[in-house]
């Protein structure tokens, strides 16, 4: 059940991430609004913490751990984007795309981990 909560929180974070990415891509002269990026980042961080709790609680060394590792790599990319954003610089589109692709992969692994845990 904890995996499901993590999935819901990360899904909401992904929604705000898509909005942030669209703002960064279509409004290239200005970085996306800081409040939008902040909501995305805080929700993503909460989702990662909940996912870590689920992995530790279930002693998951399979798909859940893989999901956590991919999501943590995604977070590193997010921190790199945050460094550009904090300095008011344009966000590199290549880094935005990589961040998004890793996020999609991690989210997919989270769904599989939840399914294995619930329906095992």
Protein backbone atom coordinates (compact mmCIF):
# COMPACT_ATOMS: atom_id res chain seq x y z
CA UNK A 1 0.00 0.00 0.00
CA UNK A 2 2.89 2.38 0.67
CA UNK A 3 3.99 1.92 -2.95
CA UNK A 4 0.57 3.15 -4.08
CA UNK A 5 0.90 6.32 -1.99
CA UNK A 6 4.36 6.91 -3.48
CA UNK A 7 2.96 6.43 -6.99
CA UNK A 8 0.16 8.94 -6.39
CA UNK A 9 2.52 11.57 -4.94
CA UNK A 10 5.05 11.09 -7.75
CA UNK A 11 2.24 11.24 -10.35
CA UNK A 12 1.17 14.64 -9.02
CA UNK A 13 4.82 15.73 -8.99
CA UNK A 14 5.09 14.55 -12.60
CA UNK A 15 2.12 16.71 -13.56
CA UNK A 16 3.85 19.78 -12.17
CA UNK A 17 7.10 18.62 -13.77
CA UNK A 18 5.46 18.50 -17.18
CA UNK A 19 4.10 22.01 -16.65
CA UNK A 20 7.57 23.20 -15.58
CA UNK A 21 9.19 21.54 -18.59
CA UNK A 22 6.65 23.03 -20.97
CA UNK A 23 7.19 26.49 -19.49
CA UNK A 24 10.95 26.06 -19.83
CA UNK A 25 10.69 24.82 -23.41
CA UNK A 26 8.10 27.21 -24.82
CA UNK A 27 9.24 30.32 -22.96
CA UNK A 28 12.97 30.07 -23.66
CA UNK A 29 13.75 33.66 -22.69
CA UNK A 30 12.64 33.22 -19.09
CA UNK A 31 13.03 30.29 -16.70
CA UNK A 32 9.78 28.69 -15.53
CA UNK A 33 8.09 30.22 -12.48
CA UNK A 34 9.94 29.34 -9.28
CA UNK A 35 6.74 28.38 -7.49
CA UNK A 36 5.95 25.80 -10.17
CA UNK A 37 9.42 24.25 -9.96
CA UNK A 38 9.21 24.33 -6.15
CA UNK A 39 5.92 22.40 -6.08
CA UNK A 40 7.40 19.83 -8.48
CA UNK A 41 10.58 19.45 -6.45
CA UNK A 42 8.91 19.21 -3.05
CA UNK A 43 6.36 16.66 -4.23
CA UNK A 44 9.07 14.63 -5.95
CA UNK A 45 11.19 14.65 -2.79
CA UNK A 46 8.23 13.52 -0.70
CA UNK A 47 7.51 10.77 -3.23
CA UNK A 48 11.13 9.58 -3.09
CA UNK A 49 11.01 9.46 0.72
CA UNK A 50 7.77 7.46 0.65
CA UNK A 51 9.27 5.12 -1.96
CA UNK A 52 12.36 4.63 0.21
CA UNK A 53 10.12 3.80 3.17
CA UNK A 54 8.24 1.25 1.05
CA UNK A 55 11.48 -0.37 -0.14
CA UNK A 56 12.91 -0.55 3.39
CA UNK A 57 9.63 -1.68 4.95
CA UNK A 58 9.20 -4.51 2.45
CA UNK A 59 12.88 -5.44 2.39
CA UNK A 60 12.59 -5.11 -1.37
CA UNK A 61 15.79 -5.91 -3.19
CA UNK A 62 14.20 -6.27 -6.59
CA UNK A 63 12.06 -3.95 -8.61
CA UNK A 64 11.39 -1.50 -5.76
CA UNK A 65 15.10 -0.99 -5.14
CA UNK A 66 15.68 -0.54 -8.86
CA UNK A 67 12.88 2.04 -8.97
CA UNK A 68 14.42 3.89 -6.03
CA UNK A 69 17.84 3.97 -7.70
CA UNK A 70 16.45 5.29 -10.99
CA UNK A 71 14.36 7.90 -9.18
CA UNK A 72 17.42 9.01 -7.20
CA UNK A 73 19.34 9.43 -10.48
CA UNK A 74 16.39 11.46 -11.73
CA UNK A 75 16.64 13.63 -8.63
CA UNK A 76 20.31 14.32 -9.37
CA UNK A 77 19.28 15.61 -12.79
CA UNK A 78 16.60 17.69 -11.10
CA UNK A 79 19.19 19.21 -8.78
CA UNK A 80 21.33 20.08 -11.80
CA UNK A 81 18.32 21.78 -13.38
CA UNK A 82 17.68 23.58 -10.10
CA UNK A 83 21.19 25.02 -10.22
CA UNK A 84 20.44 26.57 -13.62
CA UNK A 85 17.05 27.75 -12.44
CA UNK A 86 18.44 29.31 -9.27
CA UNK A 87 20.90 31.37 -11.30
CA UNK A 88 18.15 32.54 -13.65
CA UNK A 89 19.72 30.77 -16.62
CA UNK A 90 17.96 28.90 -19.36
CA UNK A 91 17.43 25.23 -18.64
CA UNK A 92 19.30 22.95 -21.09
CA UNK A 93 16.72 21.12 -23.17
CA UNK A 94 18.91 18.00 -23.32
CA UNK A 95 19.01 17.83 -19.52
CA UNK A 96 15.25 18.42 -19.34
CA UNK A 97 14.65 15.53 -21.74
CA UNK A 98 17.01 13.19 -19.87
CA UNK A 99 15.41 14.13 -16.55
CA UNK A 100 11.99 13.37 -17.98
CA UNK A 101 13.03 10.06 -19.52
CA UNK A 102 14.61 8.85 -16.28
CA UNK A 103 11.49 9.98 -14.42
CA UNK A 104 9.25 7.99 -16.76
CA UNK A 105 11.45 4.92 -16.34
CA UNK A 106 11.52 5.22 -12.56
CA UNK A 107 7.77 5.73 -12.45
CA UNK A 108 7.22 2.62 -14.55
CA UNK A 109 9.46 0.60 -12.23
CA UNK A 110 7.49 1.93 -9.26
CA UNK A 111 4.27 0.67 -10.82
CA UNK A 112 5.77 -2.76 -11.46
CA UNK A 113 7.16 -2.90 -7.89
CA UNK A 114 3.72 -2.02 -6.50
CA UNK A 115 2.05 -4.69 -8.65
CA UNK A 116 4.57 -7.34 -7.57
CA UNK A 117 4.16 -6.39 -3.92
CA UNK A 118 0.36 -6.27 -4.01
CA UNK A 119 -0.33 -9.21 -6.31
CA UNK A 120 2.98 -11.05 -5.92
